[in-house]
Amino acid sequence: MNERLAYIERHTYDRLQSGAKIRFRGRSAKVLLTRGDVSDFDIQFNNGFRITAPAHLSDEDMGAMLSVRMVTWFKKHLKREAATLAKGFEAKLGLKSQGVQIIHSDTLWGSLTKGGVIKLNWHLIEAPKAVLEYVVLHEVCHLIHRNHTDAFWALIAQHMPDYPARKKWLESLMPSFKL
């Protein structure tokens, strides 16, 4: 339970303020939060997050709205990156998924539906790109092998020989989550 509570705490952005750090792509990214003449939050990333909040919002409203906007931004960013990776792996393997969907899960990093849709946990936004590559390849390989047999792991190793180190990173972040 302590693991779960610590994880939830890291993903609550309603108290986000300038100078805070958010885990993004395997590192801590600093936040610069300002108010300005904008109608909605403007979230930019360039070696840190630069967030402009609407000047008219109260502190309480800003916190609640910012949390929602950050999660939405993370999901969009992750979907775009994961879809590009999936297409690349699919081309190498001569396969075709039915696309990428970003979800929230309390137990899984990723899965492949019977219909061929790759589902990825939005919290993968915290992981380094190499780890995201592993998760996407893992799910693409499920298009051939729907299980975790030796043949499945051999296929992953063929295309990503260092996958055990990438897998270990995931296990260290959230040991109870599975692929």
Protein backbone atom coordinates (compact mmCIF):
# COMPACT_ATOMS: atom_id res chain seq x y z
CA MET A 1 0.00 0.00 0.00
CA ASN A 2 2.86 2.44 0.72
CA GLU A 3 4.11 1.92 -2.84
CA ARG A 4 0.69 2.86 -4.23
CA LEU A 5 0.34 5.96 -2.02
CA ALA A 6 3.80 7.19 -2.98
CA TYR A 7 2.93 6.68 -6.64
CA ILE A 8 -0.32 8.65 -6.34
CA GLU A 9 1.49 11.49 -4.57
CA ARG A 10 3.94 11.79 -7.48
CA HIS A 11 1.04 12.21 -9.91
CA THR A 12 -0.99 14.89 -8.19
CA TYR A 13 -0.39 18.18 -9.94
CA ASP A 14 -2.99 20.30 -8.13
CA ARG A 15 -0.32 21.79 -5.85
CA LEU A 16 2.18 22.34 -8.64
CA GLN A 17 4.15 25.55 -8.34
CA SER A 18 7.15 27.23 -9.88
CA GLY A 19 10.38 25.49 -8.99
CA ALA A 20 8.72 22.09 -8.53
CA LYS A 21 10.09 19.11 -10.42
CA ILE A 22 8.12 16.54 -12.41
CA ARG A 23 9.49 13.21 -13.58
CA PHE A 24 9.42 13.28 -17.37
CA ARG A 25 11.22 10.99 -19.80
CA GLY A 26 13.40 9.48 -17.08
CA ARG A 27 14.56 12.68 -15.44
CA SER A 28 13.33 15.48 -13.24
CA ALA A 29 12.04 18.43 -15.21
CA LYS A 30 11.76 21.80 -13.52
CA VAL A 31 8.50 23.76 -13.70
CA LEU A 32 8.19 27.47 -14.34
CA LEU A 33 4.60 28.48 -13.66
CA THR A 34 3.42 31.98 -14.47
CA ARG A 35 0.10 33.71 -14.99
CA GLY A 36 -0.68 35.51 -18.18
CA ASP A 37 -3.27 36.75 -20.61
CA VAL A 38 -4.26 33.31 -21.92
CA SER A 39 -7.70 31.72 -22.09
CA ASP A 40 -6.43 28.24 -21.19
CA PHE A 41 -3.21 26.79 -19.85
CA ASP A 42 -0.27 26.98 -22.23
CA ILE A 43 2.11 24.09 -21.50
CA GLN A 44 5.46 24.00 -23.26
CA PHE A 45 8.46 21.74 -22.74
CA ASN A 46 12.03 22.67 -23.56
CA ASN A 47 14.46 21.27 -20.97
CA GLY A 48 11.75 21.99 -18.40
CA PHE A 49 8.07 22.85 -18.28
CA ARG A 50 7.01 26.41 -18.93
CA ILE A 51 3.36 26.74 -17.98
CA THR A 52 1.30 29.88 -18.38
CA ALA A 53 -1.97 29.85 -16.43
CA PRO A 54 -4.93 32.16 -17.08
CA ALA A 55 -4.51 35.23 -14.86
CA HIS A 56 -8.21 35.30 -13.92
CA LEU A 57 -8.23 31.90 -12.15
CA SER A 58 -8.23 31.66 -8.37
CA ASP A 59 -5.39 29.64 -6.83
CA GLU A 60 -7.83 26.84 -5.94
CA ASP A 61 -9.33 26.67 -9.44
CA MET A 62 -5.89 26.90 -11.01
CA GLY A 63 -4.62 23.89 -9.05
CA ALA A 64 -7.52 21.64 -9.96
CA MET A 65 -7.54 22.67 -13.61
CA LEU A 66 -3.77 22.45 -13.97
CA SER A 67 -3.74 18.86 -12.75
CA VAL A 68 -6.24 17.87 -15.46
CA ARG A 69 -4.38 19.82 -18.16
CA MET A 70 -1.01 18.26 -17.22
CA VAL A 71 -2.39 14.72 -17.45
CA THR A 72 -4.01 15.56 -20.82
CA TRP A 73 -0.72 17.01 -22.09
CA PHE A 74 1.20 13.93 -20.95
CA LYS A 75 -1.27 11.56 -22.63
CA LYS A 76 -1.14 13.42 -25.95
CA HIS A 77 2.65 13.55 -25.90
CA LEU A 78 2.94 9.86 -25.03
CA LYS A 79 0.43 8.78 -27.69
CA ARG A 80 2.26 10.66 -30.42
CA GLU A 81 5.64 9.22 -29.41
CA ALA A 82 4.36 5.66 -28.87
CA ALA A 83 2.48 5.62 -32.19
CA THR A 84 5.68 6.57 -34.03
CA LEU A 85 7.62 3.84 -32.23
CA ALA A 86 4.92 1.25 -32.90
CA LYS A 87 4.90 2.03 -36.62
CA GLY A 88 8.67 1.61 -36.74
CA PHE A 89 8.65 -1.76 -34.98
CA GLU A 90 5.67 -2.94 -37.02
CA ALA A 91 7.51 -2.09 -40.24
CA LYS A 92 10.60 -4.05 -39.10
CA LEU A 93 8.49 -7.06 -38.16
CA GLY A 94 6.05 -6.86 -41.08
CA LEU A 95 3.09 -6.41 -38.74
CA LYS A 96 0.23 -3.97 -38.30
CA SER A 97 -1.53 -3.06 -35.07
CA GLN A 98 -4.81 -1.21 -34.87
CA GLY A 99 -3.17 1.80 -33.26
CA VAL A 100 -2.15 3.02 -29.83
CA GLN A 101 -4.44 3.99 -26.99
CA ILE A 102 -3.29 5.69 -23.79
CA ILE A 103 -5.05 4.49 -20.64
CA HIS A 104 -4.85 4.61 -16.87
CA SER A 105 -4.16 1.31 -15.18
CA ASP A 106 -3.36 0.43 -11.59
CA THR A 107 -1.69 -2.83 -12.56
CA LEU A 108 -0.39 -2.81 -16.16
CA TRP A 109 2.21 -0.88 -18.13
CA GLY A 110 0.78 -2.09 -21.41
CA SER A 111 -1.39 -4.66 -23.13
CA LEU A 112 -2.57 -5.74 -26.55
CA THR A 113 -6.26 -6.19 -27.15
CA LYS A 114 -7.67 -9.13 -29.12
CA GLY A 115 -8.41 -6.60 -31.84
CA GLY A 116 -4.76 -5.54 -32.07
CA VAL A 117 -4.88 -2.20 -30.23
CA ILE A 118 -1.79 -1.41 -28.17
CA LYS A 119 -2.83 0.03 -24.81
CA LEU A 120 -0.21 1.88 -22.77
CA ASN A 121 -0.36 3.28 -19.26
CA TRP A 122 -0.04 7.06 -19.35
CA HIS A 123 2.45 6.91 -16.48
CA LEU A 124 5.03 5.67 -18.99
CA ILE A 125 5.59 9.37 -19.63
CA GLU A 126 7.96 9.17 -16.65
CA ALA A 127 10.12 6.52 -18.25
CA PRO A 128 13.19 7.17 -20.38
CA LYS A 129 12.61 6.76 -24.12
CA ALA A 130 14.54 3.46 -24.10
CA VAL A 131 12.03 2.02 -21.63
CA LEU A 132 9.08 3.22 -23.71
CA GLU A 133 10.71 1.58 -26.74
CA TYR A 134 10.84 -1.70 -24.81
CA VAL A 135 7.18 -1.56 -23.77
CA VAL A 136 6.03 -0.73 -27.30
CA LEU A 137 8.16 -3.53 -28.82
CA HIS A 138 6.84 -5.91 -26.16
CA GLU A 139 3.25 -5.19 -27.19
CA VAL A 140 4.02 -5.28 -30.93
CA CYS A 141 5.60 -8.74 -30.44
CA HIS A 142 2.30 -9.87 -28.91
CA LEU A 143 0.82 -9.48 -32.41
CA ILE A 144 2.79 -12.67 -33.20
CA HIS A 145 2.99 -14.38 -29.81
CA ARG A 146 0.01 -13.75 -27.51
CA ASN A 147 1.91 -15.14 -24.53
CA HIS A 148 5.29 -14.95 -22.81
CA THR A 149 6.85 -18.11 -24.21
CA ASP A 150 10.53 -18.55 -25.01
CA ALA A 151 9.72 -17.70 -28.64
CA PHE A 152 8.19 -14.39 -27.54
CA TRP A 153 11.25 -13.40 -25.49
CA ALA A 154 13.58 -14.51 -28.29
CA LEU A 155 11.74 -12.22 -30.71
CA ILE A 156 12.14 -9.29 -28.35
CA ALA A 157 15.83 -10.10 -27.81
CA GLN A 158 16.37 -10.29 -31.57
CA HIS A 159 15.20 -6.70 -31.97
CA MET A 160 16.34 -5.32 -28.61
CA PRO A 161 19.22 -7.30 -27.09
CA ASP A 162 19.39 -5.04 -24.02
CA TYR A 163 15.69 -5.42 -23.17
CA PRO A 164 16.40 -6.96 -19.70
CA ALA A 165 17.91 -3.66 -18.48
CA ARG A 166 14.95 -1.70 -19.83
CA LYS A 167 12.52 -4.14 -18.22
CA LYS A 168 14.37 -3.83 -14.91
CA TRP A 169 13.92 -0.05 -14.95
CA LEU A 170 10.14 -0.53 -15.12
CA GLU A 171 10.19 -3.07 -12.33
CA SER A 172 12.16 -0.68 -10.11
CA LEU A 173 9.66 2.17 -10.70
CA MET A 174 6.56 0.16 -9.84
CA PRO A 175 7.30 -3.48 -8.94
CA SER A 176 3.65 -4.52 -8.72
CA PHE A 177 2.86 -3.43 -12.31
CA LYS A 178 3.03 -6.01 -15.08
CA LEU A 179 3.37 -6.16 -18.84
